[in-house]
């Protein structure tokens, strides 16, 4: 059992995210050994356009955008160091992926990790999403 919980800001950032992905995040915070926060949930098309223009995203078809079912299907999670600041080194996100994958398996919900994506100079390590095939 983890000593961590989702803070108010993280909970607010989960508003509009598909309930299955919210369940995974909630389960993950219960079993993690490293604290994390929700950095981003649902995005507006305008914000997504700006991110693409600034090279922070590669697509206008992000899973952060609200889909046909009325939900966003992605979250960016930020690993927090002991000082409470975001840790951007790679290793903690690889560990977080194992926690998210374990939580998803426990719940029987499929999940994908941006760290597995090929063809980018750096994986999108803080990005987790529901697969398009099961959640169009």
C-alpha atoms as a PDB file:
ATOM      1  CA  UNK A   1       0.000   0.000   0.000  1.00  0.00           C
ATOM      2  CA  UNK A   2       1.345   3.390  -1.027  1.00  0.00           C
ATOM      3  CA  UNK A   3       1.691   6.409   1.199  1.00  0.00           C
ATOM      4  CA  UNK A   4       0.617   8.644  -1.700  1.00  0.00           C
ATOM      5  CA  UNK A   5      -2.731  10.064  -2.803  1.00  0.00           C
ATOM      6  CA  UNK A   6      -3.849  12.198  -5.702  1.00  0.00           C
ATOM      7  CA  UNK A   7      -3.974  15.866  -4.800  1.00  0.00           C
ATOM      8  CA  UNK A   8      -6.800  18.253  -5.615  1.00  0.00           C
ATOM      9  CA  UNK A   9      -5.066  19.621  -8.717  1.00  0.00           C
ATOM     10  CA  UNK A  10      -4.479  16.098 -10.052  1.00  0.00           C
ATOM     11  CA  UNK A  11      -8.130  15.201  -9.471  1.00  0.00           C
ATOM     12  CA  UNK A  12      -9.223  18.349 -11.307  1.00  0.00           C
ATOM     13  CA  UNK A  13      -6.979  17.418 -14.237  1.00  0.00           C
ATOM     14  CA  UNK A  14      -8.753  14.046 -14.463  1.00  0.00           C
ATOM     15  CA  UNK A  15     -12.121  15.697 -15.115  1.00  0.00           C
ATOM     16  CA  UNK A  16     -13.314  14.611 -18.545  1.00  0.00           C
ATOM     17  CA  UNK A  17     -10.837  11.713 -18.782  1.00  0.00           C
ATOM     18  CA  UNK A  18     -12.403   8.329 -19.564  1.00  0.00           C
ATOM     19  CA  UNK A  19     -13.423   6.573 -16.317  1.00  0.00           C
ATOM     20  CA  UNK A  20     -11.353   3.474 -17.162  1.00  0.00           C
ATOM     21  CA  UNK A  21      -8.170   5.537 -17.377  1.00  0.00           C
ATOM     22  CA  UNK A  22      -9.081   7.361 -14.167  1.00  0.00           C
ATOM     23  CA  UNK A  23      -9.429   3.960 -12.445  1.00  0.00           C
ATOM     24  CA  UNK A  24      -5.931   2.985 -13.612  1.00  0.00           C
ATOM     25  CA  UNK A  25      -4.422   6.236 -12.316  1.00  0.00           C
ATOM     26  CA  UNK A  26      -6.242   5.865  -8.984  1.00  0.00           C
ATOM     27  CA  UNK A  27      -5.055   2.270  -8.605  1.00  0.00           C
ATOM     28  CA  UNK A  28      -1.497   3.220  -9.583  1.00  0.00           C
ATOM     29  CA  UNK A  29      -1.230   5.916  -6.894  1.00  0.00           C
ATOM     30  CA  UNK A  30      -2.287   3.262  -4.352  1.00  0.00           C
ATOM     31  CA  UNK A  31       0.573   0.918  -5.281  1.00  0.00           C
ATOM     32  CA  UNK A  32       3.404   3.236  -6.367  1.00  0.00           C
ATOM     33  CA  UNK A  33       6.624   3.709  -4.431  1.00  0.00           C
ATOM     34  CA  UNK A  34       7.308   7.084  -6.149  1.00  0.00           C
ATOM     35  CA  UNK A  35       4.827   9.929  -5.897  1.00  0.00           C
ATOM     36  CA  UNK A  36       3.327  11.326  -9.085  1.00  0.00           C
ATOM     37  CA  UNK A  37       0.856  13.981 -10.162  1.00  0.00           C
ATOM     38  CA  UNK A  38      -1.458  14.353 -13.125  1.00  0.00           C
ATOM     39  CA  UNK A  39       0.172  16.956 -15.338  1.00  0.00           C
ATOM     40  CA  UNK A  40      -2.451  16.962 -18.069  1.00  0.00           C
ATOM     41  CA  UNK A  41      -5.737  15.286 -18.865  1.00  0.00           C
ATOM     42  CA  UNK A  42      -8.137  16.703 -21.427  1.00  0.00           C
ATOM     43  CA  UNK A  43      -6.879  19.381 -23.827  1.00  0.00           C
ATOM     44  CA  UNK A  44      -8.789  21.776 -26.028  1.00  0.00           C
ATOM     45  CA  UNK A  45      -8.090  21.736 -29.783  1.00  0.00           C
ATOM     46  CA  UNK A  46      -6.567  25.218 -29.397  1.00  0.00           C
ATOM     47  CA  UNK A  47      -4.084  24.052 -26.772  1.00  0.00           C
ATOM     48  CA  UNK A  48      -3.199  21.009 -28.868  1.00  0.00           C
ATOM     49  CA  UNK A  49      -2.605  23.238 -31.914  1.00  0.00           C
ATOM     50  CA  UNK A  50      -0.288  25.441 -29.865  1.00  0.00           C
ATOM     51  CA  UNK A  51       1.656  22.404 -28.604  1.00  0.00           C
ATOM     52  CA  UNK A  52       2.155  21.171 -32.164  1.00  0.00           C
ATOM     53  CA  UNK A  53       3.273  24.626 -33.329  1.00  0.00           C
ATOM     54  CA  UNK A  54       5.853  24.744 -30.513  1.00  0.00           C
ATOM     55  CA  UNK A  55       7.096  21.192 -31.173  1.00  0.00           C
ATOM     56  CA  UNK A  56       5.763  19.848 -27.869  1.00  0.00           C
ATOM     57  CA  UNK A  57       3.390  17.445 -29.655  1.00  0.00           C
ATOM     58  CA  UNK A  58       3.497  15.762 -33.025  1.00  0.00           C
ATOM     59  CA  UNK A  59      -0.205  15.400 -33.792  1.00  0.00           C
ATOM     60  CA  UNK A  60      -3.494  17.262 -33.923  1.00  0.00           C
ATOM     61  CA  UNK A  61      -5.221  13.927 -33.235  1.00  0.00           C
ATOM     62  CA  UNK A  62      -4.032  13.574 -29.659  1.00  0.00           C
ATOM     63  CA  UNK A  63      -5.807  11.185 -27.310  1.00  0.00           C
ATOM     64  CA  UNK A  64      -5.940  14.154 -24.894  1.00  0.00           C
ATOM     65  CA  UNK A  65      -8.707  15.635 -27.066  1.00  0.00           C
ATOM     66  CA  UNK A  66     -12.315  14.740 -26.292  1.00  0.00           C
ATOM     67  CA  UNK A  67     -13.396  11.823 -28.461  1.00  0.00           C
ATOM     68  CA  UNK A  68     -16.768  10.817 -29.897  1.00  0.00           C
ATOM     69  CA  UNK A  69     -17.711   9.258 -26.548  1.00  0.00           C
ATOM     70  CA  UNK A  70     -17.246  12.601 -24.784  1.00  0.00           C
ATOM     71  CA  UNK A  71     -14.013  11.676 -22.973  1.00  0.00           C
ATOM     72  CA  UNK A  72     -10.299  12.288 -23.292  1.00  0.00           C
ATOM     73  CA  UNK A  73      -8.311   9.068 -23.476  1.00  0.00           C
ATOM     74  CA  UNK A  74      -4.835  10.146 -22.313  1.00  0.00           C
ATOM     75  CA  UNK A  75      -3.025  11.562 -19.310  1.00  0.00           C
ATOM     76  CA  UNK A  76       0.450  12.910 -18.735  1.00  0.00           C
ATOM     77  CA  UNK A  77       1.767  11.902 -15.328  1.00  0.00           C
ATOM     78  CA  UNK A  78       4.695  13.649 -13.672  1.00  0.00           C
ATOM     79  CA  UNK A  79       6.943  11.779 -11.245  1.00  0.00           C
ATOM     80  CA  UNK A  80       7.717  13.886  -8.177  1.00  0.00           C
ATOM     81  CA  UNK A  81      11.037  13.884  -6.369  1.00  0.00           C
ATOM     82  CA  UNK A  82      11.402  14.052  -2.596  1.00  0.00           C
ATOM     83  CA  UNK A  83      11.523  17.840  -2.950  1.00  0.00           C
ATOM     84  CA  UNK A  84       8.097  17.798  -4.643  1.00  0.00           C
ATOM     85  CA  UNK A  85       9.537  18.958  -7.970  1.00  0.00           C
ATOM     86  CA  UNK A  86       8.979  17.090 -11.222  1.00  0.00           C
ATOM     87  CA  UNK A  87      11.735  14.588 -11.997  1.00  0.00           C
ATOM     88  CA  UNK A  88      12.273  14.519 -15.783  1.00  0.00           C
ATOM     89  CA  UNK A  89      14.939  11.799 -15.836  1.00  0.00           C
ATOM     90  CA  UNK A  90      13.982   8.655 -17.739  1.00  0.00           C
ATOM     91  CA  UNK A  91      14.273   5.934 -15.091  1.00  0.00           C
ATOM     92  CA  UNK A  92      11.385   7.041 -12.850  1.00  0.00           C
ATOM     93  CA  UNK A  93       9.022   7.008 -15.846  1.00  0.00           C
ATOM     94  CA  UNK A  94      10.071   3.498 -16.765  1.00  0.00           C
ATOM     95  CA  UNK A  95       9.195   2.504 -13.193  1.00  0.00           C
ATOM     96  CA  UNK A  96       5.911   4.405 -13.378  1.00  0.00           C
ATOM     97  CA  UNK A  97       5.064   2.496 -16.577  1.00  0.00           C
ATOM     98  CA  UNK A  98       5.458  -0.774 -14.661  1.00  0.00           C
ATOM     99  CA  UNK A  99       3.121   0.534 -11.961  1.00  0.00           C
ATOM    100  CA  UNK A 100       0.566   1.763 -14.503  1.00  0.00           C
ATOM    101  CA  UNK A 101       0.761  -1.530 -16.398  1.00  0.00           C
ATOM    102  CA  UNK A 102       0.268  -3.501 -13.165  1.00  0.00           C
ATOM    103  CA  UNK A 103      -2.719  -1.337 -12.222  1.00  0.00           C
ATOM    104  CA  UNK A 104      -4.236  -1.768 -15.691  1.00  0.00           C
ATOM    105  CA  UNK A 105      -3.724  -5.541 -15.608  1.00  0.00           C
ATOM    106  CA  UNK A 106      -5.282  -5.725 -12.132  1.00  0.00           C
ATOM    107  CA  UNK A 107      -8.350  -3.903 -13.478  1.00  0.00           C
ATOM    108  CA  UNK A 108      -8.438  -5.754 -16.814  1.00  0.00           C
ATOM    109  CA  UNK A 109      -8.119  -2.507 -18.795  1.00  0.00           C
ATOM    110  CA  UNK A 110      -5.678  -2.144 -21.719  1.00  0.00           C
ATOM    111  CA  UNK A 111      -3.190   0.730 -21.675  1.00  0.00           C
ATOM    112  CA  UNK A 112      -0.403   2.146 -23.834  1.00  0.00           C
ATOM    113  CA  UNK A 113       2.714   4.089 -22.865  1.00  0.00           C
ATOM    114  CA  UNK A 114       4.354   6.833 -24.891  1.00  0.00           C
ATOM    115  CA  UNK A 115       7.775   5.512 -23.878  1.00  0.00           C
ATOM    116  CA  UNK A 116       7.205   2.556 -26.201  1.00  0.00           C
ATOM    117  CA  UNK A 117       6.747   4.758 -29.273  1.00  0.00           C
ATOM    118  CA  UNK A 118       9.437   4.467 -31.889  1.00  0.00           C
ATOM    119  CA  UNK A 119      10.587   7.073 -34.373  1.00  0.00           C
ATOM    120  CA  UNK A 120      10.873   9.983 -31.942  1.00  0.00           C
ATOM    121  CA  UNK A 121      14.093  11.474 -30.658  1.00  0.00           C
ATOM    122  CA  UNK A 122      12.802  10.895 -27.124  1.00  0.00           C
ATOM    123  CA  UNK A 123       9.905   8.757 -26.015  1.00  0.00           C
ATOM    124  CA  UNK A 124       6.891  10.492 -24.570  1.00  0.00           C
ATOM    125  CA  UNK A 125       7.641   8.971 -21.179  1.00  0.00           C
ATOM    126  CA  UNK A 126       5.034  10.849 -19.159  1.00  0.00           C
ATOM    127  CA  UNK A 127       2.178   9.923 -21.553  1.00  0.00           C
ATOM    128  CA  UNK A 128      -0.319   7.096 -20.906  1.00  0.00           C
ATOM    129  CA  UNK A 129      -3.408   6.371 -22.990  1.00  0.00           C
ATOM    130  CA  UNK A 130      -6.210   3.959 -23.693  1.00  0.00           C
ATOM    131  CA  UNK A 131      -5.724   2.128 -27.023  1.00  0.00           C
ATOM    132  CA  UNK A 132      -7.605   3.546 -29.992  1.00  0.00           C
ATOM    133  CA  UNK A 133      -8.740   0.048 -31.041  1.00  0.00           C
ATOM    134  CA  UNK A 134     -10.758  -0.492 -27.849  1.00  0.00           C
ATOM    135  CA  UNK A 135     -11.570   3.173 -27.156  1.00  0.00           C
ATOM    136  CA  UNK A 136     -12.189   4.964 -30.483  1.00  0.00           C
END
